[in-house]
Amino acid sequence: MKISRDDLSPARPQLAGLLHGADMGEMQGAYLTIPAGTDFCPLLAGLPNDHCQRPHWGYLIEGRIVVTYEDGREEVVEAGDFYYWPPGHVVRMEEATKQVEFSPREEMHAVLDHVVSRMG
């Protein structure tokens, strides 16, 4: 299966322009364009430990992301980096980002539903 980036659909209507994706087998493939200063902490409040409990694999095309893990460790992901974020993380975009990411499909759908509900 293949799909063009231009043919990806918004993951949720409320996320149009930010996150477009497609279900691909057991995974969800996504192309994200997130503005500088976006902090996902408030959007993840209410999940266990207020952190995303889903794993993500990806590649950062542009930008800079600070990842904070439940144990307080921080990690910086910069353009050109591949990444894996295990369950138990939050992210903050220090610079506008463009990234490609893969996550387990059903688990990611649950996180997106939660994020959208927090957006109001």
Protein backbone atom coordinates (compact mmCIF):
# COMPACT_ATOMS: atom_id res chain seq x y z
CA MET A 1 0.00 0.00 0.00
CA LYS A 2 1.19 3.52 -0.76
CA ILE A 3 -0.39 6.93 -0.55
CA SER A 4 0.74 10.36 -1.66
CA ARG A 5 1.17 13.04 1.01
CA ASP A 6 -1.27 15.17 -1.00
CA ASP A 7 -3.91 12.43 -0.71
CA LEU A 8 -3.77 12.16 3.09
CA SER A 9 -6.93 13.19 4.93
CA PRO A 10 -7.08 15.30 8.09
CA ALA A 11 -6.84 12.89 11.03
CA ARG A 12 -9.80 14.78 12.54
CA PRO A 13 -11.61 17.80 11.04
CA GLN A 14 -10.43 19.92 13.99
CA LEU A 15 -6.81 19.05 13.12
CA ALA A 16 -6.97 20.02 9.43
CA GLY A 17 -3.76 21.79 8.50
CA LEU A 18 -1.89 20.18 11.40
CA LEU A 19 -2.14 16.42 11.08
CA HIS A 20 -3.04 14.43 7.98
CA GLY A 21 -2.87 10.68 7.97
CA ALA A 22 -3.97 7.31 6.73
CA ASP A 23 -4.50 3.94 8.34
CA MET A 24 -1.92 1.55 6.97
CA GLY A 25 -2.39 -1.96 8.30
CA GLU A 26 -1.95 -1.89 12.06
CA MET A 27 -0.29 1.54 11.95
CA GLN A 28 -1.39 5.07 11.24
CA GLY A 29 0.96 7.04 9.00
CA ALA A 30 0.83 10.79 9.47
CA TYR A 31 2.29 13.99 8.07
CA LEU A 32 2.31 16.75 10.67
CA THR A 33 2.88 20.50 10.32
CA ILE A 34 2.77 22.02 13.80
CA PRO A 35 3.32 25.73 14.59
CA ALA A 36 6.16 26.93 16.80
CA GLY A 37 5.21 27.17 20.46
CA THR A 38 2.65 24.36 20.35
CA ASP A 39 2.65 22.59 23.72
CA PHE A 40 0.76 19.31 23.86
CA CYS A 41 0.82 19.15 27.69
CA PRO A 42 -2.62 20.76 28.16
CA LEU A 43 -4.10 18.59 25.42
CA LEU A 44 -2.84 15.40 27.07
CA ALA A 45 -4.17 16.27 30.54
CA GLY A 46 -6.49 13.55 31.71
CA LEU A 47 -4.53 10.70 30.15
CA PRO A 48 -2.59 8.47 32.57
CA ASN A 49 0.05 10.68 34.25
CA ASP A 50 -1.05 13.44 31.82
CA HIS A 51 1.33 11.96 29.22
CA CYS A 52 0.79 10.27 25.88
CA GLN A 53 0.87 6.53 26.52
CA ARG A 54 1.30 5.55 22.86
CA PRO A 55 4.57 4.87 21.04
CA HIS A 56 5.56 6.93 17.99
CA TRP A 57 8.25 6.41 15.34
CA GLY A 58 9.11 9.27 13.04
CA TYR A 59 11.40 11.58 11.15
CA LEU A 60 11.60 15.33 11.72
CA ILE A 61 11.92 17.12 8.39
CA GLU A 62 11.97 20.68 9.79
CA GLY A 63 11.94 22.25 13.22
CA ARG A 64 12.83 21.40 16.79
CA ILE A 65 10.85 19.43 19.38
CA VAL A 66 11.46 19.06 23.10
CA VAL A 67 10.22 15.72 24.45
CA THR A 68 9.73 15.29 28.19
CA TYR A 69 9.34 11.80 29.62
CA GLU A 70 7.46 10.81 32.78
CA ASP A 71 10.73 10.47 34.69
CA GLY A 72 11.57 14.13 33.93
CA ARG A 73 14.22 13.46 31.28
CA GLU A 74 14.17 15.81 28.33
CA GLU A 75 15.33 15.10 24.82
CA VAL A 76 15.62 17.47 21.87
CA VAL A 77 14.68 16.25 18.39
CA GLU A 78 16.02 18.39 15.56
CA ALA A 79 15.49 18.47 11.80
CA GLY A 80 17.09 15.41 10.22
CA ASP A 81 16.58 13.21 13.30
CA PHE A 82 14.72 9.92 13.34
CA TYR A 83 12.94 9.33 16.64
CA TYR A 84 11.15 6.79 18.77
CA TRP A 85 9.05 8.02 21.69
CA PRO A 86 7.95 5.22 24.02
CA PRO A 87 4.75 5.52 26.04
CA GLY A 88 4.95 8.21 28.72
CA HIS A 89 5.93 11.44 26.92
CA VAL A 90 4.77 14.97 26.16
CA VAL A 91 6.06 17.22 23.38
CA ARG A 92 6.55 20.95 22.84
CA MET A 93 7.40 22.43 19.45
CA GLU A 94 10.18 24.99 19.92
CA GLU A 95 10.16 25.69 16.18
CA ALA A 96 7.51 25.03 13.56
CA THR A 97 7.75 21.40 12.50
CA LYS A 98 7.17 19.18 9.52
CA GLN A 99 7.39 15.52 10.37
CA VAL A 100 6.42 12.04 9.28
CA GLU A 101 5.22 9.74 12.03
CA PHE A 102 3.89 6.21 12.52
CA SER A 103 1.89 5.00 15.51
CA PRO A 104 -0.26 1.96 16.32
CA ARG A 105 -3.57 2.73 14.60
CA GLU A 106 -6.16 2.01 17.30
CA GLU A 107 -4.08 3.53 20.08
CA MET A 108 -3.48 6.69 18.08
CA HIS A 109 -7.17 7.09 17.29
CA ALA A 110 -7.88 7.10 21.05
CA VAL A 111 -5.23 9.80 21.66
CA LEU A 112 -6.57 11.95 18.83
CA ASP A 113 -10.11 11.67 20.20
CA HIS A 114 -8.82 12.82 23.60
CA VAL A 115 -6.84 15.72 22.10
CA VAL A 116 -9.84 16.93 20.11
CA SER A 117 -12.06 16.76 23.19
CA ARG A 118 -9.54 18.93 25.08
CA MET A 119 -9.44 21.48 22.27
CA GLY A 120 -13.05 22.44 23.07
